[in-house]
């Protein structure tokens, strides 16, 4: 399981805070290349969060694109006082929640949507992706969001608590509970 999550992290090529700051300053100044670099480095985490909230691949695609449009339009409003990734994911979260309010329902996520989100890596086989998809599908919404934010965006638990507007203790317990469920699922114990 840790190998799979490590491959997810590696695939998304997270930027450090200094690089993100530089790109966001460039975006605020109208630098299209900075926006393109920001998009390529963070789109997996943005899509992953949108997908974990909306549970619909088409809507998650729309929200991913809308996130970067909003970042382009509102880049000058970014205040370098926190984690740059948290600012970007806050935009994603807000847009996704607005979409949910508009739809007033969530849809079940089709297995092929999780597969689409899965990592294309030589270390991760098709079987691994299928098992990971099933395991992630067995988690509750908040557990999946917390684990995906930690694995794909590299956010610390405190940052996730702030982003999801949850107490830190709740984030920590849901993270541990979610990892335990994933471990049991990946080890073949179906009694979750």
N, C-alpha and C. Protein backbone atom coordinates (compact mmCIF):
# COMPACT_ATOMS: atom_id res chain seq x y z
N UNK A 1 0.82 -1.18 0.00
CA UNK A 1 0.00 0.00 0.00
C UNK A 1 0.87 1.25 0.00
N UNK A 2 1.89 1.29 0.85
CA UNK A 2 2.74 2.46 0.91
C UNK A 2 3.48 2.68 -0.40
N UNK A 3 3.82 1.59 -1.08
CA UNK A 3 4.46 1.69 -2.40
C UNK A 3 3.53 2.38 -3.39
N UNK A 4 2.26 2.02 -3.35
CA UNK A 4 1.28 2.63 -4.26
C UNK A 4 1.13 4.11 -3.95
N UNK A 5 0.98 4.46 -2.65
CA UNK A 5 0.83 5.86 -2.28
C UNK A 5 2.09 6.65 -2.61
N UNK A 6 3.26 6.05 -2.44
CA UNK A 6 4.52 6.72 -2.80
C UNK A 6 4.57 6.98 -4.30
N UNK A 7 4.10 6.03 -5.08
CA UNK A 7 4.08 6.22 -6.53
C UNK A 7 3.13 7.34 -6.92
N UNK A 8 2.00 7.45 -6.21
CA UNK A 8 1.07 8.56 -6.48
C UNK A 8 1.76 9.88 -6.20
N UNK A 9 2.43 9.98 -5.05
CA UNK A 9 3.12 11.21 -4.71
C UNK A 9 4.17 11.57 -5.76
N UNK A 10 4.95 10.57 -6.17
CA UNK A 10 6.01 10.80 -7.15
C UNK A 10 5.44 11.26 -8.49
N UNK A 11 4.34 10.65 -8.89
CA UNK A 11 3.74 10.96 -10.19
C UNK A 11 3.31 12.41 -10.27
N UNK A 12 2.80 12.95 -9.18
CA UNK A 12 2.28 14.30 -9.23
C UNK A 12 3.36 15.35 -9.08
N UNK A 13 4.59 14.93 -8.84
CA UNK A 13 5.72 15.85 -8.84
C UNK A 13 5.46 17.13 -8.06
N UNK A 14 5.15 16.99 -6.79
CA UNK A 14 4.84 18.15 -5.96
C UNK A 14 5.96 19.18 -6.00
N UNK A 15 5.55 20.42 -5.97
CA UNK A 15 6.49 21.52 -5.87
C UNK A 15 6.70 21.85 -4.40
N UNK A 16 7.86 22.39 -4.07
CA UNK A 16 8.01 22.88 -2.71
C UNK A 16 7.37 24.27 -2.62
N UNK A 17 7.22 24.77 -1.42
CA UNK A 17 6.52 26.04 -1.19
C UNK A 17 7.19 27.20 -1.91
N UNK A 18 8.51 27.21 -1.95
CA UNK A 18 9.23 28.31 -2.61
C UNK A 18 8.93 28.33 -4.11
N UNK A 19 8.95 27.16 -4.75
CA UNK A 19 8.64 27.09 -6.17
C UNK A 19 7.20 27.51 -6.44
N UNK A 20 6.28 27.06 -5.58
CA UNK A 20 4.87 27.44 -5.73
C UNK A 20 4.70 28.94 -5.58
N UNK A 21 5.38 29.53 -4.59
CA UNK A 21 5.31 30.98 -4.39
C UNK A 21 5.74 31.71 -5.66
N UNK A 22 6.86 31.25 -6.23
CA UNK A 22 7.40 31.89 -7.43
C UNK A 22 6.39 31.81 -8.57
N UNK A 23 5.78 30.64 -8.73
CA UNK A 23 4.80 30.48 -9.81
C UNK A 23 3.55 31.32 -9.57
N UNK A 24 3.09 31.38 -8.33
CA UNK A 24 1.90 32.18 -8.04
C UNK A 24 2.16 33.67 -8.23
N UNK A 25 3.36 34.13 -7.90
CA UNK A 25 3.72 35.52 -8.17
C UNK A 25 3.70 35.76 -9.68
N UNK A 26 4.24 34.81 -10.43
CA UNK A 26 4.21 34.91 -11.89
C UNK A 26 2.80 34.94 -12.43
N UNK A 27 1.93 34.10 -11.90
CA UNK A 27 0.52 34.08 -12.33
C UNK A 27 -0.13 35.43 -12.03
N UNK A 28 0.14 35.98 -10.84
CA UNK A 28 -0.42 37.29 -10.46
C UNK A 28 0.05 38.39 -11.41
N UNK A 29 1.23 38.21 -11.99
CA UNK A 29 1.78 39.20 -12.92
C UNK A 29 1.38 38.93 -14.37
N UNK A 30 0.55 37.91 -14.58
CA UNK A 30 0.07 37.60 -15.92
C UNK A 30 1.00 36.72 -16.74
N UNK A 31 1.88 35.99 -16.10
CA UNK A 31 2.83 35.11 -16.78
C UNK A 31 2.14 33.78 -17.12
N UNK A 32 1.84 33.59 -18.39
CA UNK A 32 1.15 32.37 -18.82
C UNK A 32 2.01 31.13 -18.64
N UNK A 33 3.30 31.25 -18.79
CA UNK A 33 4.20 30.11 -18.58
C UNK A 33 4.17 29.65 -17.13
N UNK A 34 4.10 30.61 -16.20
CA UNK A 34 4.00 30.26 -14.78
C UNK A 34 2.70 29.51 -14.52
N UNK A 35 1.62 29.94 -15.15
CA UNK A 35 0.34 29.24 -15.00
C UNK A 35 0.44 27.83 -15.56
N UNK A 36 1.08 27.67 -16.71
CA UNK A 36 1.23 26.34 -17.31
C UNK A 36 2.05 25.43 -16.40
N UNK A 37 3.13 25.95 -15.83
CA UNK A 37 3.96 25.15 -14.93
C UNK A 37 3.18 24.78 -13.67
N UNK A 38 2.43 25.74 -13.14
CA UNK A 38 1.61 25.48 -11.96
C UNK A 38 0.59 24.40 -12.26
N UNK A 39 -0.04 24.48 -13.40
CA UNK A 39 -1.04 23.50 -13.80
C UNK A 39 -0.43 22.10 -13.90
N UNK A 40 0.69 21.98 -14.58
CA UNK A 40 1.30 20.66 -14.78
C UNK A 40 1.80 20.06 -13.46
N UNK A 41 2.22 20.89 -12.55
CA UNK A 41 2.76 20.38 -11.28
C UNK A 41 1.67 20.05 -10.26
N UNK A 42 0.49 20.66 -10.39
CA UNK A 42 -0.52 20.51 -9.34
C UNK A 42 -1.84 19.94 -9.81
N UNK A 43 -2.01 19.69 -11.08
CA UNK A 43 -3.32 19.27 -11.59
C UNK A 43 -3.80 17.95 -10.98
N UNK A 44 -2.89 17.05 -10.66
CA UNK A 44 -3.30 15.79 -10.05
C UNK A 44 -3.93 15.99 -8.69
N UNK A 45 -3.33 16.83 -7.88
CA UNK A 45 -3.88 17.09 -6.55
C UNK A 45 -5.20 17.85 -6.66
N UNK A 46 -5.28 18.81 -7.56
CA UNK A 46 -6.51 19.57 -7.75
C UNK A 46 -7.63 18.65 -8.24
N UNK A 47 -7.34 17.85 -9.25
CA UNK A 47 -8.34 16.91 -9.76
C UNK A 47 -8.73 15.90 -8.69
N UNK A 48 -7.76 15.42 -7.94
CA UNK A 48 -8.04 14.44 -6.88
C UNK A 48 -8.98 14.99 -5.83
N UNK A 49 -8.76 16.24 -5.41
CA UNK A 49 -9.66 16.84 -4.44
C UNK A 49 -11.05 17.03 -5.03
N UNK A 50 -11.11 17.57 -6.24
CA UNK A 50 -12.42 17.78 -6.88
C UNK A 50 -13.16 16.45 -7.04
N UNK A 51 -12.44 15.42 -7.44
CA UNK A 51 -13.04 14.10 -7.62
C UNK A 51 -13.52 13.52 -6.30
N UNK A 52 -12.75 13.72 -5.25
CA UNK A 52 -13.15 13.17 -3.95
C UNK A 52 -14.38 13.87 -3.40
N UNK A 53 -14.61 15.10 -3.78
CA UNK A 53 -15.80 15.83 -3.32
C UNK A 53 -16.98 15.54 -4.22
N UNK A 54 -16.78 15.63 -5.53
CA UNK A 54 -17.90 15.54 -6.48
C UNK A 54 -18.26 14.12 -6.86
N UNK A 55 -17.27 13.22 -6.84
CA UNK A 55 -17.48 11.82 -7.22
C UNK A 55 -18.02 11.67 -8.63
N UNK A 56 -17.65 12.59 -9.49
CA UNK A 56 -18.04 12.55 -10.89
C UNK A 56 -16.87 13.10 -11.70
N UNK A 57 -16.34 12.28 -12.59
CA UNK A 57 -15.15 12.66 -13.34
C UNK A 57 -15.32 13.87 -14.22
N UNK A 58 -16.47 14.00 -14.87
CA UNK A 58 -16.69 15.15 -15.75
C UNK A 58 -16.75 16.44 -14.94
N UNK A 59 -17.46 16.39 -13.82
CA UNK A 59 -17.53 17.57 -12.96
C UNK A 59 -16.16 17.90 -12.39
N UNK A 60 -15.40 16.89 -12.01
CA UNK A 60 -14.06 17.12 -11.47
C UNK A 60 -13.16 17.76 -12.53
N UNK A 61 -13.29 17.32 -13.79
CA UNK A 61 -12.54 17.97 -14.87
C UNK A 61 -12.89 19.44 -14.98
N UNK A 62 -14.19 19.73 -14.94
CA UNK A 62 -14.65 21.12 -15.04
C UNK A 62 -14.09 21.97 -13.90
N UNK A 63 -14.18 21.43 -12.70
CA UNK A 63 -13.71 22.18 -11.53
C UNK A 63 -12.19 22.36 -11.59
N UNK A 64 -11.48 21.36 -12.08
CA UNK A 64 -10.02 21.49 -12.23
C UNK A 64 -9.70 22.67 -13.15
N UNK A 65 -10.36 22.72 -14.29
CA UNK A 65 -10.12 23.83 -15.21
C UNK A 65 -10.54 25.16 -14.60
N UNK A 66 -11.69 25.17 -13.93
CA UNK A 66 -12.18 26.40 -13.31
C UNK A 66 -11.24 26.89 -12.22
N UNK A 67 -10.58 25.96 -11.53
CA UNK A 67 -9.62 26.34 -10.48
C UNK A 67 -8.49 27.17 -11.06
N UNK A 68 -7.96 26.73 -12.19
CA UNK A 68 -6.83 27.46 -12.78
C UNK A 68 -7.28 28.78 -13.42
N UNK A 69 -8.50 28.80 -13.93
CA UNK A 69 -9.04 30.07 -14.44
C UNK A 69 -9.18 31.05 -13.28
N UNK A 70 -9.74 30.56 -12.16
CA UNK A 70 -9.91 31.42 -10.99
C UNK A 70 -8.56 31.87 -10.44
N UNK A 71 -7.58 30.97 -10.40
CA UNK A 71 -6.24 31.34 -9.92
C UNK A 71 -5.64 32.42 -10.82
N UNK A 72 -5.88 32.31 -12.12
CA UNK A 72 -5.38 33.31 -13.07
C UNK A 72 -6.06 34.67 -12.81
N UNK A 73 -7.37 34.62 -12.62
CA UNK A 73 -8.14 35.86 -12.41
C UNK A 73 -7.86 36.50 -11.05
N UNK A 74 -7.62 35.67 -10.04
CA UNK A 74 -7.50 36.16 -8.66
C UNK A 74 -6.08 36.03 -8.10
N UNK A 75 -5.11 35.79 -8.96
CA UNK A 75 -3.74 35.57 -8.51
C UNK A 75 -3.19 36.68 -7.65
N UNK A 76 -3.58 37.91 -7.93
CA UNK A 76 -3.06 39.04 -7.15
C UNK A 76 -3.59 39.03 -5.71
N UNK A 77 -4.64 38.25 -5.45
CA UNK A 77 -5.20 38.18 -4.10
C UNK A 77 -4.46 37.19 -3.21
N UNK A 78 -3.59 36.39 -3.80
CA UNK A 78 -2.85 35.42 -2.99
C UNK A 78 -1.93 36.16 -2.03
N UNK A 79 -2.01 35.79 -0.76
CA UNK A 79 -1.15 36.36 0.28
C UNK A 79 -0.16 35.29 0.72
N UNK A 80 1.13 35.51 0.53
CA UNK A 80 2.13 34.48 0.88
C UNK A 80 2.30 34.34 2.39
N UNK A 81 1.27 33.83 3.05
CA UNK A 81 1.33 33.67 4.50
C UNK A 81 0.99 32.25 4.93
N UNK A 82 0.89 31.38 4.00
CA UNK A 82 0.57 30.00 4.34
C UNK A 82 1.18 29.09 3.30
N UNK A 83 0.54 27.97 3.11
CA UNK A 83 0.99 27.03 2.11
C UNK A 83 0.35 27.41 0.77
N UNK A 84 1.14 27.65 -0.26
CA UNK A 84 0.57 28.02 -1.55
C UNK A 84 -0.39 26.96 -2.08
N UNK A 85 -0.07 25.69 -1.85
CA UNK A 85 -0.93 24.61 -2.32
C UNK A 85 -2.29 24.67 -1.63
N UNK A 86 -2.30 25.06 -0.37
CA UNK A 86 -3.56 25.17 0.36
C UNK A 86 -4.44 26.25 -0.26
N UNK A 87 -3.84 27.34 -0.73
CA UNK A 87 -4.61 28.41 -1.38
C UNK A 87 -5.27 27.86 -2.65
N UNK A 88 -4.50 27.16 -3.44
CA UNK A 88 -5.03 26.60 -4.68
C UNK A 88 -6.11 25.56 -4.40
N UNK A 89 -5.89 24.71 -3.41
CA UNK A 89 -6.88 23.69 -3.08
C UNK A 89 -8.12 24.29 -2.42
N UNK A 90 -7.97 25.44 -1.77
CA UNK A 90 -9.15 26.13 -1.23
C UNK A 90 -10.06 26.59 -2.36
N UNK A 91 -9.46 27.07 -3.42
CA UNK A 91 -10.24 27.47 -4.60
C UNK A 91 -10.99 26.25 -5.13
N UNK A 92 -10.26 25.14 -5.27
CA UNK A 92 -10.87 23.90 -5.77
C UNK A 92 -12.02 23.47 -4.88
N UNK A 93 -11.79 23.45 -3.60
CA UNK A 93 -12.81 23.00 -2.65
C UNK A 93 -14.05 23.89 -2.74
N UNK A 94 -13.85 25.19 -2.75
CA UNK A 94 -14.99 26.11 -2.82
C UNK A 94 -15.78 25.93 -4.11
N UNK A 95 -15.09 25.79 -5.22
CA UNK A 95 -15.78 25.58 -6.50
C UNK A 95 -16.53 24.25 -6.51
N UNK A 96 -15.91 23.22 -5.97
CA UNK A 96 -16.57 21.90 -5.93
C UNK A 96 -17.81 21.93 -5.04
N UNK A 97 -17.70 22.59 -3.89
CA UNK A 97 -18.86 22.67 -3.00
C UNK A 97 -19.98 23.50 -3.62
N UNK A 98 -19.62 24.54 -4.35
CA UNK A 98 -20.65 25.32 -5.07
C UNK A 98 -21.34 24.43 -6.10
N UNK A 99 -20.56 23.61 -6.80
CA UNK A 99 -21.15 22.69 -7.79
C UNK A 99 -22.10 21.72 -7.11
N UNK A 100 -21.70 21.19 -5.95
CA UNK A 100 -22.57 20.27 -5.22
C UNK A 100 -23.87 20.95 -4.81
N UNK A 101 -23.76 22.17 -4.34
CA UNK A 101 -24.98 22.89 -3.95
C UNK A 101 -25.89 23.10 -5.15
N UNK A 102 -25.29 23.35 -6.31
CA UNK A 102 -26.09 23.52 -7.52
C UNK A 102 -26.79 22.22 -7.90
N UNK A 103 -26.10 21.13 -7.76
CA UNK A 103 -26.66 19.84 -8.13
C UNK A 103 -27.54 19.26 -7.04
N UNK A 104 -27.27 19.64 -5.79
CA UNK A 104 -27.99 19.15 -4.61
C UNK A 104 -27.96 17.63 -4.49
N UNK A 105 -26.93 17.01 -5.04
CA UNK A 105 -26.77 15.58 -4.87
C UNK A 105 -25.36 15.20 -5.31
N UNK A 106 -24.91 14.05 -4.86
CA UNK A 106 -23.65 13.51 -5.34
C UNK A 106 -23.95 12.24 -6.11
N UNK A 107 -23.08 11.92 -7.01
CA UNK A 107 -23.25 10.72 -7.81
C UNK A 107 -22.17 9.73 -7.41
N UNK A 108 -22.49 8.45 -7.51
CA UNK A 108 -21.48 7.45 -7.24
C UNK A 108 -20.39 7.52 -8.28
N UNK A 109 -19.18 7.31 -7.84
CA UNK A 109 -18.03 7.37 -8.73
C UNK A 109 -17.86 6.03 -9.42
N UNK A 110 -17.85 6.07 -10.73
CA UNK A 110 -17.66 4.84 -11.50
C UNK A 110 -16.22 4.37 -11.36
N UNK A 111 -16.00 3.05 -11.35
CA UNK A 111 -14.64 2.53 -11.20
C UNK A 111 -13.67 3.07 -12.25
N UNK A 112 -14.15 3.29 -13.46
CA UNK A 112 -13.23 3.80 -14.49
C UNK A 112 -12.75 5.21 -14.18
N UNK A 113 -13.52 5.98 -13.39
CA UNK A 113 -13.07 7.31 -12.99
C UNK A 113 -11.88 7.22 -12.04
N UNK A 114 -11.95 6.27 -11.07
CA UNK A 114 -10.81 6.08 -10.18
C UNK A 114 -9.60 5.60 -10.98
N UNK A 115 -9.85 4.74 -11.97
CA UNK A 115 -8.73 4.25 -12.79
C UNK A 115 -8.11 5.39 -13.58
N UNK A 116 -8.95 6.31 -14.05
CA UNK A 116 -8.43 7.45 -14.79
C UNK A 116 -7.53 8.30 -13.92
N UNK A 117 -7.88 8.39 -12.64
CA UNK A 117 -7.10 9.17 -11.70
C UNK A 117 -5.85 8.43 -11.25
N UNK A 118 -5.86 7.11 -11.37
CA UNK A 118 -4.74 6.31 -10.90
C UNK A 118 -3.46 6.65 -11.64
N UNK A 119 -2.38 6.31 -11.02
CA UNK A 119 -1.05 6.68 -11.51
C UNK A 119 -0.62 5.81 -12.69
N UNK A 120 -0.03 6.44 -13.67
CA UNK A 120 0.61 5.73 -14.76
C UNK A 120 2.09 5.62 -14.40
N UNK A 121 2.47 4.51 -13.84
CA UNK A 121 3.84 4.32 -13.37
C UNK A 121 4.26 2.89 -13.69
N UNK A 122 5.54 2.71 -13.93
CA UNK A 122 6.04 1.37 -14.19
C UNK A 122 5.97 0.51 -12.94
N UNK A 123 6.03 1.15 -11.77
CA UNK A 123 5.99 0.41 -10.52
C UNK A 123 4.57 -0.01 -10.13
N UNK A 124 3.58 0.66 -10.68
CA UNK A 124 2.19 0.38 -10.33
C UNK A 124 1.53 -0.35 -11.49
N UNK A 125 1.17 -1.59 -11.23
CA UNK A 125 0.57 -2.41 -12.28
C UNK A 125 -0.92 -2.12 -12.41
N UNK A 126 -1.53 -2.65 -13.47
CA UNK A 126 -2.96 -2.52 -13.66
C UNK A 126 -3.72 -3.13 -12.49
N UNK A 127 -3.22 -4.25 -12.01
CA UNK A 127 -3.84 -4.90 -10.85
C UNK A 127 -3.75 -4.01 -9.61
N UNK A 128 -2.59 -3.37 -9.41
CA UNK A 128 -2.44 -2.44 -8.28
C UNK A 128 -3.45 -1.31 -8.38
N UNK A 129 -3.62 -0.76 -9.59
CA UNK A 129 -4.56 0.35 -9.77
C UNK A 129 -5.99 -0.10 -9.49
N UNK A 130 -6.34 -1.31 -9.91
CA UNK A 130 -7.68 -1.84 -9.66
C UNK A 130 -7.91 -2.02 -8.17
N UNK A 131 -6.92 -2.58 -7.49
CA UNK A 131 -7.04 -2.79 -6.04
C UNK A 131 -7.11 -1.45 -5.32
N UNK A 132 -6.27 -0.49 -5.72
CA UNK A 132 -6.29 0.83 -5.11
C UNK A 132 -7.63 1.51 -5.33
N UNK A 133 -8.17 1.39 -6.53
CA UNK A 133 -9.48 1.98 -6.82
C UNK A 133 -10.55 1.41 -5.92
N UNK A 134 -10.56 0.10 -5.77
CA UNK A 134 -11.54 -0.55 -4.90
C UNK A 134 -11.34 -0.13 -3.46
N UNK A 135 -10.09 -0.06 -3.04
CA UNK A 135 -9.80 0.32 -1.66
C UNK A 135 -10.23 1.76 -1.39
N UNK A 136 -9.90 2.66 -2.28
CA UNK A 136 -10.30 4.06 -2.09
C UNK A 136 -11.82 4.21 -2.14
N UNK A 137 -12.46 3.42 -2.97
CA UNK A 137 -13.92 3.45 -3.05
C UNK A 137 -14.60 2.97 -1.79
N UNK A 138 -13.88 2.21 -0.97
CA UNK A 138 -14.47 1.69 0.27
C UNK A 138 -14.40 2.70 1.42
N UNK A 139 -13.69 3.80 1.22
CA UNK A 139 -13.55 4.81 2.27
C UNK A 139 -14.74 5.77 2.25
N UNK A 140 -14.97 6.39 3.39
CA UNK A 140 -15.95 7.46 3.45
C UNK A 140 -15.42 8.68 2.73
N UNK A 141 -16.30 9.62 2.42
CA UNK A 141 -15.91 10.81 1.67
C UNK A 141 -14.78 11.59 2.35
N UNK A 142 -14.94 11.87 3.64
CA UNK A 142 -13.91 12.65 4.32
C UNK A 142 -12.61 11.87 4.46
N UNK A 143 -12.70 10.58 4.73
CA UNK A 143 -11.48 9.77 4.83
C UNK A 143 -10.73 9.82 3.50
N UNK A 144 -11.45 9.64 2.39
CA UNK A 144 -10.82 9.64 1.07
C UNK A 144 -10.21 11.01 0.78
N UNK A 145 -10.93 12.08 1.10
CA UNK A 145 -10.40 13.43 0.86
C UNK A 145 -9.13 13.67 1.65
N UNK A 146 -9.14 13.30 2.93
CA UNK A 146 -7.98 13.53 3.79
C UNK A 146 -6.77 12.74 3.29
N UNK A 147 -6.97 11.48 2.95
CA UNK A 147 -5.86 10.66 2.47
C UNK A 147 -5.35 11.17 1.13
N UNK A 148 -6.25 11.54 0.23
CA UNK A 148 -5.82 12.04 -1.08
C UNK A 148 -5.09 13.38 -0.94
N UNK A 149 -5.56 14.27 -0.07
CA UNK A 149 -4.88 15.55 0.12
C UNK A 149 -3.49 15.34 0.70
N UNK A 150 -3.37 14.37 1.59
CA UNK A 150 -2.06 14.10 2.18
C UNK A 150 -1.13 13.43 1.16
N UNK A 151 -1.67 12.46 0.40
CA UNK A 151 -0.84 11.69 -0.53
C UNK A 151 -0.53 12.45 -1.81
N UNK A 152 -1.51 13.14 -2.38
CA UNK A 152 -1.28 13.78 -3.67
C UNK A 152 -0.80 15.22 -3.57
N UNK A 153 -1.29 15.94 -2.55
CA UNK A 153 -0.90 17.34 -2.43
C UNK A 153 0.20 17.55 -1.41
N UNK A 154 0.45 16.55 -0.59
CA UNK A 154 1.50 16.66 0.40
C UNK A 154 1.16 17.61 1.54
N UNK A 155 -0.13 17.87 1.73
CA UNK A 155 -0.51 18.77 2.81
C UNK A 155 -0.34 18.08 4.16
N UNK A 156 0.04 18.87 5.14
CA UNK A 156 0.14 18.37 6.51
C UNK A 156 -1.27 18.29 7.09
N UNK A 157 -1.42 17.50 8.13
CA UNK A 157 -2.75 17.30 8.71
C UNK A 157 -3.36 18.62 9.19
N UNK A 158 -2.56 19.50 9.73
CA UNK A 158 -3.06 20.80 10.19
C UNK A 158 -3.60 21.61 9.00
N UNK A 159 -2.89 21.55 7.88
CA UNK A 159 -3.34 22.26 6.67
C UNK A 159 -4.63 21.66 6.13
N UNK A 160 -4.75 20.34 6.18
CA UNK A 160 -5.96 19.67 5.73
C UNK A 160 -7.13 20.07 6.64
N UNK A 161 -6.88 20.13 7.95
CA UNK A 161 -7.93 20.52 8.89
C UNK A 161 -8.43 21.92 8.57
N UNK A 162 -7.51 22.83 8.28
CA UNK A 162 -7.90 24.20 7.93
C UNK A 162 -8.68 24.22 6.62
N UNK A 163 -8.19 23.51 5.61
CA UNK A 163 -8.82 23.48 4.30
C UNK A 163 -10.23 22.90 4.36
N UNK A 164 -10.41 21.81 5.09
CA UNK A 164 -11.71 21.14 5.16
C UNK A 164 -12.59 21.66 6.30
N UNK A 165 -12.04 22.63 7.06
CA UNK A 165 -12.76 23.23 8.17
C UNK A 165 -13.21 22.18 9.18
N UNK A 166 -12.24 21.33 9.56
CA UNK A 166 -12.47 20.28 10.54
C UNK A 166 -11.47 20.44 11.67
N UNK A 167 -11.82 19.98 12.88
CA UNK A 167 -10.82 19.98 13.95
C UNK A 167 -9.64 19.06 13.59
N UNK A 168 -8.45 19.43 14.03
CA UNK A 168 -7.26 18.64 13.75
C UNK A 168 -7.43 17.21 14.25
N UNK A 169 -8.02 17.05 15.42
CA UNK A 169 -8.20 15.71 15.97
C UNK A 169 -9.08 14.85 15.07
N UNK A 170 -10.07 15.46 14.44
CA UNK A 170 -10.95 14.73 13.52
C UNK A 170 -10.17 14.29 12.29
N UNK A 171 -9.36 15.19 11.76
CA UNK A 171 -8.55 14.86 10.58
C UNK A 171 -7.59 13.72 10.91
N UNK A 172 -6.95 13.80 12.06
CA UNK A 172 -5.99 12.75 12.44
C UNK A 172 -6.70 11.40 12.61
N UNK A 173 -7.85 11.40 13.27
CA UNK A 173 -8.53 10.12 13.48
C UNK A 173 -9.08 9.55 12.18
N UNK A 174 -9.62 10.42 11.31
CA UNK A 174 -10.12 9.93 10.02
C UNK A 174 -8.98 9.45 9.13
N UNK A 175 -7.84 10.09 9.22
CA UNK A 175 -6.67 9.65 8.45
C UNK A 175 -6.22 8.27 8.92
N UNK A 176 -6.07 8.11 10.24
CA UNK A 176 -5.66 6.80 10.77
C UNK A 176 -6.70 5.73 10.46
N UNK A 177 -7.97 6.05 10.63
CA UNK A 177 -9.04 5.09 10.35
C UNK A 177 -9.04 4.73 8.86
N UNK A 178 -8.89 5.73 8.01
CA UNK A 178 -8.86 5.48 6.57
C UNK A 178 -7.69 4.62 6.15
N UNK A 179 -6.50 4.90 6.72
CA UNK A 179 -5.33 4.08 6.41
C UNK A 179 -5.53 2.65 6.89
N UNK A 180 -6.14 2.49 8.05
CA UNK A 180 -6.39 1.13 8.56
C UNK A 180 -7.35 0.39 7.63
N UNK A 181 -8.38 1.09 7.14
CA UNK A 181 -9.32 0.46 6.20
C UNK A 181 -8.60 0.08 4.91
N UNK A 182 -7.77 0.99 4.41
CA UNK A 182 -7.00 0.69 3.19
C UNK A 182 -6.11 -0.52 3.40
N UNK A 183 -5.44 -0.55 4.54
CA UNK A 183 -4.54 -1.67 4.83
C UNK A 183 -5.31 -2.99 4.86
N UNK A 184 -6.45 -3.00 5.57
CA UNK A 184 -7.23 -4.22 5.63
C UNK A 184 -7.74 -4.62 4.24
N UNK A 185 -8.18 -3.65 3.47
CA UNK A 185 -8.69 -3.93 2.14
C UNK A 185 -7.57 -4.48 1.25
N UNK A 186 -6.40 -3.84 1.32
CA UNK A 186 -5.29 -4.27 0.48
C UNK A 186 -4.69 -5.61 0.92
N UNK A 187 -4.87 -5.95 2.20
CA UNK A 187 -4.41 -7.25 2.67
C UNK A 187 -5.44 -8.34 2.45
N UNK A 188 -6.61 -7.94 1.94
CA UNK A 188 -7.62 -8.94 1.57
C UNK A 188 -8.69 -9.19 2.60
N UNK A 189 -8.71 -8.44 3.68
CA UNK A 189 -9.75 -8.60 4.70
C UNK A 189 -10.94 -7.74 4.30
N UNK A 190 -11.97 -8.34 3.83
CA UNK A 190 -13.14 -7.62 3.31
C UNK A 190 -14.03 -7.09 4.43
N UNK A 191 -13.86 -7.54 5.65
CA UNK A 191 -14.73 -7.11 6.75
C UNK A 191 -14.28 -5.74 7.22
N UNK A 192 -14.76 -4.70 6.59
CA UNK A 192 -14.39 -3.33 6.96
C UNK A 192 -15.43 -2.79 7.91
